[in-house]
């Protein structure tokens, strides 16, 4: 595990650090928006009183906190591998350069001693194939970290994903909402376990989890900012078209989500891309505020 100096000093002093994932840079957003967003997320975390730690793998080393050159490589190089937890020994053993998913980022962040992680959307149960479950879900069930997100990605089976989280003991909080957000939409019809209004409440619930020695993540779900929300009916139409195209092209496995998100951005004339960036930035801000409140405790 390799820390940059800023993150190492912050962890040594038991200061607040927010983990950020790298798959969104390498595979989730197009260039140059990916590079610009990665820089903005780190800036937002700092402006809210915490230290950002974007996580990736370079030359087989778990890098916790990246420099500008490393972020640029993630944003521009074509051979960056997308890895989940199962791929970590391969990445280390073969000295690969990799972007980390929610599962891999959670694993590395927790091992590094980081308590809060901000992302866009988690993986989940895939539509039409309930046995295809993202590795993000079991990682959330077994890693005591706080994950700030806007629910599961819209391309997934949201009711099945919510049921999986409940069955496996992952506490789902709604940050200023009574329903689990549906990524680009503020409502899904799926309830949360508890509504919270402040970062302080989240920090207190996380402290109680730790005192109870529970090993699950706390999922803090934050709706996309209102001005960027996309109508659910419009989204479903765009998604249906994208799913048909993915089936025609026989796109499967870990390639399906980036493909669908790319297609939805194109078909929505950039509206989903703008919403994605907006929710990422909003989640980073709230994650930093939670980290500050944990530090106060």
Protein backbone atom coordinates (compact mmCIF):
# COMPACT_ATOMS: atom_id res chain seq x y z
CA UNK A 1 0.00 0.00 0.00
CA UNK A 2 1.46 3.34 -1.08
CA UNK A 3 0.24 6.61 0.44
CA UNK A 4 0.90 10.08 -0.90
CA UNK A 5 2.33 12.43 1.73
CA UNK A 6 -0.85 14.42 2.27
CA UNK A 7 -2.95 11.32 3.01
CA UNK A 8 -0.18 9.66 5.07
CA UNK A 9 0.18 12.75 7.26
CA UNK A 10 -3.59 13.02 7.69
CA UNK A 11 -3.97 9.38 8.70
CA UNK A 12 -0.98 9.57 11.04
CA UNK A 13 -2.55 12.55 12.79
CA UNK A 14 -5.92 10.74 12.80
CA UNK A 15 -7.34 13.51 10.66
CA UNK A 16 -10.31 13.08 8.39
CA UNK A 17 -9.84 11.47 4.98
CA UNK A 18 -12.43 10.71 2.27
CA UNK A 19 -11.76 7.89 -0.19
CA UNK A 20 -12.70 8.39 -3.85
CA UNK A 21 -12.92 5.62 -6.45
CA UNK A 22 -11.07 5.59 -9.77
CA UNK A 23 -13.31 3.50 -12.04
CA UNK A 24 -15.45 6.58 -12.67
CA UNK A 25 -12.32 8.30 -14.04
CA UNK A 26 -11.10 5.47 -16.26
CA UNK A 27 -14.40 3.89 -17.32
CA UNK A 28 -17.36 5.94 -16.10
CA UNK A 29 -16.94 9.34 -17.74
CA UNK A 30 -15.54 10.48 -21.10
CA UNK A 31 -12.43 12.63 -21.50
CA UNK A 32 -11.96 15.49 -20.62
CA UNK A 33 -14.90 15.46 -18.19
CA UNK A 34 -13.37 12.52 -16.31
CA UNK A 35 -10.11 14.38 -15.60
CA UNK A 36 -11.88 17.61 -14.69
CA UNK A 37 -14.37 15.83 -12.41
CA UNK A 38 -11.65 13.89 -10.60
CA UNK A 39 -9.86 17.15 -9.83
CA UNK A 40 -13.09 18.86 -8.79
CA UNK A 41 -14.02 16.04 -6.41
CA UNK A 42 -10.69 16.38 -4.60
CA UNK A 43 -11.13 20.17 -4.47
CA UNK A 44 -14.65 19.83 -3.02
CA UNK A 45 -13.45 17.44 -0.30
CA UNK A 46 -10.72 19.91 0.70
CA UNK A 47 -13.11 22.87 0.67
CA UNK A 48 -15.29 21.00 3.17
CA UNK A 49 -12.46 20.37 5.60
CA UNK A 50 -11.27 16.86 4.73
CA UNK A 51 -8.39 15.29 2.79
CA UNK A 52 -9.20 13.42 -0.47
CA UNK A 53 -7.68 10.00 -1.18
CA UNK A 54 -8.44 8.85 -4.71
CA UNK A 55 -7.57 5.15 -4.85
CA UNK A 56 -6.13 3.16 -7.77
CA UNK A 57 -3.48 0.55 -8.53
CA UNK A 58 -0.25 1.45 -10.34
CA UNK A 59 2.47 -1.10 -11.07
CA UNK A 60 0.74 -3.50 -8.69
CA UNK A 61 0.76 -1.12 -5.73
CA UNK A 62 -2.39 0.02 -3.93
CA UNK A 63 -2.09 3.81 -4.25
CA UNK A 64 -4.06 5.73 -1.62
CA UNK A 65 -4.03 9.34 -2.74
CA UNK A 66 -2.97 10.12 -6.31
CA UNK A 67 -0.93 12.90 -7.89
CA UNK A 68 -2.11 14.85 -10.95
CA UNK A 69 -0.07 12.72 -13.33
CA UNK A 70 -1.66 9.51 -12.03
CA UNK A 71 -5.16 10.98 -12.36
CA UNK A 72 -4.36 12.06 -15.91
CA UNK A 73 -3.16 8.54 -16.73
CA UNK A 74 -6.43 7.09 -15.46
CA UNK A 75 -8.34 9.60 -17.58
CA UNK A 76 -6.44 9.08 -20.82
CA UNK A 77 -4.70 5.70 -21.03
CA UNK A 78 -6.64 2.92 -22.75
CA UNK A 79 -5.08 -0.07 -20.98
CA UNK A 80 -6.26 0.77 -17.44
CA UNK A 81 -7.96 -2.36 -16.14
CA UNK A 82 -11.21 -2.18 -14.18
CA UNK A 83 -10.85 -4.37 -11.09
CA UNK A 84 -13.02 -5.59 -8.25
CA UNK A 85 -11.98 -7.42 -5.09
CA UNK A 86 -11.42 -10.75 -6.86
CA UNK A 87 -8.85 -9.10 -9.16
CA UNK A 88 -6.65 -7.59 -6.44
CA UNK A 89 -4.14 -10.48 -6.25
CA UNK A 90 -3.91 -10.49 -10.06
CA UNK A 91 -3.26 -6.76 -10.09
CA UNK A 92 -0.52 -7.07 -7.49
CA UNK A 93 1.01 -10.27 -8.84
CA UNK A 94 1.19 -9.00 -12.43
CA UNK A 95 2.03 -5.40 -11.44
CA UNK A 96 -0.90 -3.96 -13.38
CA UNK A 97 -2.32 -0.45 -13.65
CA UNK A 98 -5.96 -0.54 -12.56
CA UNK A 99 -9.00 1.53 -11.67
CA UNK A 100 -10.84 0.29 -8.58
CA UNK A 101 -14.58 -0.34 -8.35
CA UNK A 102 -16.70 0.35 -5.27
CA UNK A 103 -15.82 -3.12 -3.90
CA UNK A 104 -12.06 -2.79 -4.45
CA UNK A 105 -11.99 0.82 -3.24
CA UNK A 106 -13.93 -0.08 -0.08
CA UNK A 107 -11.53 -2.94 0.66
CA UNK A 108 -8.40 -0.81 0.20
CA UNK A 109 -9.83 2.24 1.99
CA UNK A 110 -10.84 0.19 5.04
CA UNK A 111 -7.42 -1.47 5.18
CA UNK A 112 -5.86 1.99 5.01
CA UNK A 113 -7.90 3.17 8.00
CA UNK A 114 -10.24 5.46 6.03
CA UNK A 115 -13.80 5.60 7.37
CA UNK A 116 -15.71 7.47 4.65
CA UNK A 117 -15.92 6.79 0.92
CA UNK A 118 -17.77 8.87 -1.71
CA UNK A 119 -18.89 7.48 -5.04
CA UNK A 120 -21.66 7.94 -7.62
CA UNK A 121 -23.68 4.73 -7.59
CA UNK A 122 -23.05 1.25 -6.27
CA UNK A 123 -23.33 -1.96 -8.26
CA UNK A 124 -26.17 -4.36 -7.59
CA UNK A 125 -28.33 -7.13 -8.98
CA UNK A 126 -28.47 -7.09 -12.79
CA UNK A 127 -31.75 -6.84 -14.66
CA UNK A 128 -33.08 -10.11 -16.01
CA UNK A 129 -30.43 -12.24 -14.33
CA UNK A 130 -30.75 -12.29 -10.55
CA UNK A 131 -27.70 -14.53 -10.12
CA UNK A 132 -25.48 -11.77 -11.54
CA UNK A 133 -24.75 -9.82 -8.36
CA UNK A 134 -22.08 -7.14 -8.27
CA UNK A 135 -19.17 -7.77 -5.91
CA UNK A 136 -19.97 -4.33 -4.46
CA UNK A 137 -22.86 -5.83 -2.48
CA UNK A 138 -21.03 -8.54 -0.49
CA UNK A 139 -18.22 -6.04 0.11
CA UNK A 140 -20.74 -3.64 1.65
CA UNK A 141 -22.07 -6.47 3.80
CA UNK A 142 -18.62 -7.25 5.19
CA UNK A 143 -16.68 -3.97 5.34
CA UNK A 144 -17.44 -1.43 8.11
CA UNK A 145 -17.10 1.78 6.11
CA UNK A 146 -19.48 4.64 5.33
CA UNK A 147 -20.32 4.80 1.62
CA UNK A 148 -21.97 7.96 0.30
CA UNK A 149 -23.75 7.39 -3.02
CA UNK A 150 -26.92 8.13 -5.00
CA UNK A 151 -28.24 4.59 -4.77
CA UNK A 152 -27.51 1.84 -7.27
CA UNK A 153 -26.89 2.58 -10.92
CA UNK A 154 -30.18 2.89 -12.83
CA UNK A 155 -29.22 0.13 -15.27
CA UNK A 156 -29.64 -2.43 -12.45
CA UNK A 157 -32.62 -4.18 -10.87
CA UNK A 158 -33.22 -1.66 -8.08
CA UNK A 159 -35.90 -3.57 -6.08
CA UNK A 160 -33.75 -6.74 -6.08
CA UNK A 161 -30.70 -4.72 -5.07
CA UNK A 162 -32.58 -3.07 -2.20
CA UNK A 163 -33.82 -6.49 -1.04
CA UNK A 164 -30.26 -7.87 -1.13
CA UNK A 165 -29.00 -5.01 1.04
CA UNK A 166 -31.76 -5.60 3.58
CA UNK A 167 -31.24 -9.38 3.71
CA UNK A 168 -27.50 -8.97 4.23
CA UNK A 169 -27.66 -6.39 6.97
CA UNK A 170 -26.47 -3.27 5.17
CA UNK A 171 -27.95 -0.20 6.88
CA UNK A 172 -29.39 2.17 4.24
CA UNK A 173 -29.83 5.81 5.28
CA UNK A 174 -31.68 8.42 3.24
CA UNK A 175 -29.90 11.78 3.40
CA UNK A 176 -32.82 14.19 3.42
CA UNK A 177 -35.05 11.60 1.74
CA UNK A 178 -37.47 8.80 2.62
CA UNK A 179 -36.80 6.77 -0.52
CA UNK A 180 -33.60 5.27 -1.82
CA UNK A 181 -32.58 7.46 -4.78
CA UNK A 182 -32.46 5.90 -8.24
CA UNK A 183 -29.21 7.50 -9.40
CA UNK A 184 -30.45 10.04 -11.99
CA UNK A 185 -33.88 10.20 -10.30
CA UNK A 186 -34.56 11.35 -6.76
CA UNK A 187 -37.18 8.66 -6.05
CA UNK A 188 -37.40 4.91 -6.59
CA UNK A 189 -40.39 3.85 -4.50
CA UNK A 190 -37.97 1.88 -2.30
CA UNK A 191 -37.80 2.82 1.37
CA UNK A 192 -34.67 3.52 3.39
CA UNK A 193 -34.03 2.19 6.90
CA UNK A 194 -33.86 5.68 8.39
CA UNK A 195 -34.00 9.25 7.17
CA UNK A 196 -31.21 11.55 8.35
CA UNK A 197 -30.88 15.28 7.88
CA UNK A 198 -27.29 16.01 8.95
CA UNK A 199 -23.76 14.68 8.70
CA UNK A 200 -23.69 14.61 12.50
CA UNK A 201 -26.53 12.05 12.57
CA UNK A 202 -24.63 9.81 10.15
CA UNK A 203 -21.49 10.04 12.29
CA UNK A 204 -23.47 9.09 15.42
CA UNK A 205 -25.03 6.06 13.71
CA UNK A 206 -21.61 4.96 12.45
CA UNK A 207 -20.19 5.27 15.96
CA UNK A 208 -23.02 3.11 17.32
CA UNK A 209 -22.32 0.48 14.63
CA UNK A 210 -18.67 0.38 15.66
CA UNK A 211 -19.53 0.09 19.35
CA UNK A 212 -21.80 -2.84 18.48
CA UNK A 213 -18.89 -4.39 16.55
CA UNK A 214 -21.02 -4.79 13.42
CA UNK A 215 -19.01 -5.36 10.26
CA UNK A 216 -21.38 -4.00 7.61
CA UNK A 217 -21.07 -0.75 5.69
CA UNK A 218 -23.48 2.10 6.24
CA UNK A 219 -24.90 3.22 2.91
CA UNK A 220 -25.75 6.92 2.89
CA UNK A 221 -27.98 7.51 -0.13
CA UNK A 222 -28.17 11.08 -1.42
CA UNK A 223 -30.59 12.24 -4.15
CA UNK A 224 -29.18 13.87 -7.26
CA UNK A 225 -29.53 17.69 -7.02
CA UNK A 226 -33.05 18.67 -8.14
CA UNK A 227 -31.99 20.75 -11.11
CA UNK A 228 -30.19 17.75 -12.64
CA UNK A 229 -32.89 15.13 -12.04
CA UNK A 230 -34.12 13.27 -15.14
CA UNK A 231 -37.72 12.10 -15.50
CA UNK A 232 -38.00 8.39 -14.68
CA UNK A 233 -40.19 7.62 -17.71
CA UNK A 234 -37.71 9.28 -20.07
CA UNK A 235 -34.89 7.33 -18.44
CA UNK A 236 -36.65 3.99 -18.86
CA UNK A 237 -37.22 4.63 -22.55
CA UNK A 238 -33.55 5.50 -23.09
CA UNK A 239 -32.41 2.54 -21.00
CA UNK A 240 -34.64 0.09 -22.89
CA UNK A 241 -33.12 1.19 -26.19
CA UNK A 242 -29.62 0.88 -24.74
CA UNK A 243 -30.31 -2.62 -23.37
CA UNK A 244 -31.50 -3.80 -26.80
CA UNK A 245 -28.32 -2.47 -28.39
CA UNK A 246 -26.14 -4.12 -25.72
CA UNK A 247 -27.88 -7.43 -26.39
CA UNK A 248 -27.36 -7.06 -30.14
CA UNK A 249 -23.66 -6.36 -29.61
CA UNK A 250 -23.42 -9.24 -27.06
CA UNK A 251 -21.92 -6.99 -24.43
CA UNK A 252 -21.79 -8.80 -21.08
CA UNK A 253 -20.19 -8.83 -17.63
CA UNK A 254 -18.25 -5.86 -16.30
CA UNK A 255 -18.41 -4.10 -19.68
CA UNK A 256 -22.20 -3.77 -19.64
CA UNK A 257 -22.57 -0.91 -17.14
CA UNK A 258 -20.02 1.47 -18.78
CA UNK A 259 -21.59 0.71 -22.18
CA UNK A 260 -25.13 1.44 -20.98
CA UNK A 261 -24.11 4.65 -19.22
CA UNK A 262 -22.31 5.82 -22.37
CA UNK A 263 -25.32 5.03 -24.54
CA UNK A 264 -27.68 6.80 -22.14
CA UNK A 265 -25.51 9.90 -22.18
CA UNK A 266 -25.58 9.94 -25.97
CA UNK A 267 -29.32 9.30 -26.28
CA UNK A 268 -30.19 11.89 -23.61
CA UNK A 269 -28.02 14.50 -25.34
CA UNK A 270 -25.70 14.73 -22.36
CA UNK A 271 -28.32 15.05 -19.62
CA UNK A 272 -27.29 11.83 -17.87
CA UNK A 273 -23.63 12.87 -18.03
CA UNK A 274 -24.42 16.22 -16.40
CA UNK A 275 -26.48 14.47 -13.71
CA UNK A 276 -23.71 11.96 -13.07
CA UNK A 277 -21.15 14.70 -12.51
CA UNK A 278 -23.54 16.72 -10.32
CA UNK A 279 -24.32 13.80 -8.02
CA UNK A 280 -20.64 12.86 -7.74
CA UNK A 281 -19.77 16.39 -6.63
CA UNK A 282 -22.70 16.57 -4.21
CA UNK A 283 -21.80 13.20 -2.67
CA UNK A 284 -18.17 14.25 -2.21
CA UNK A 285 -19.30 17.35 -0.33
CA UNK A 286 -21.55 15.38 2.02
CA UNK A 287 -18.91 12.69 2.57
CA UNK A 288 -16.41 15.34 3.63
CA UNK A 289 -18.92 16.80 6.07
CA UNK A 290 -19.51 13.33 7.54
CA UNK A 291 -15.77 12.79 7.90
CA UNK A 292 -15.46 16.12 9.75
CA UNK A 293 -18.21 15.08 12.18
CA UNK A 294 -16.60 11.68 12.77
CA UNK A 295 -13.39 13.47 13.65
CA UNK A 296 -15.25 15.72 16.12
CA UNK A 297 -16.60 12.61 17.83
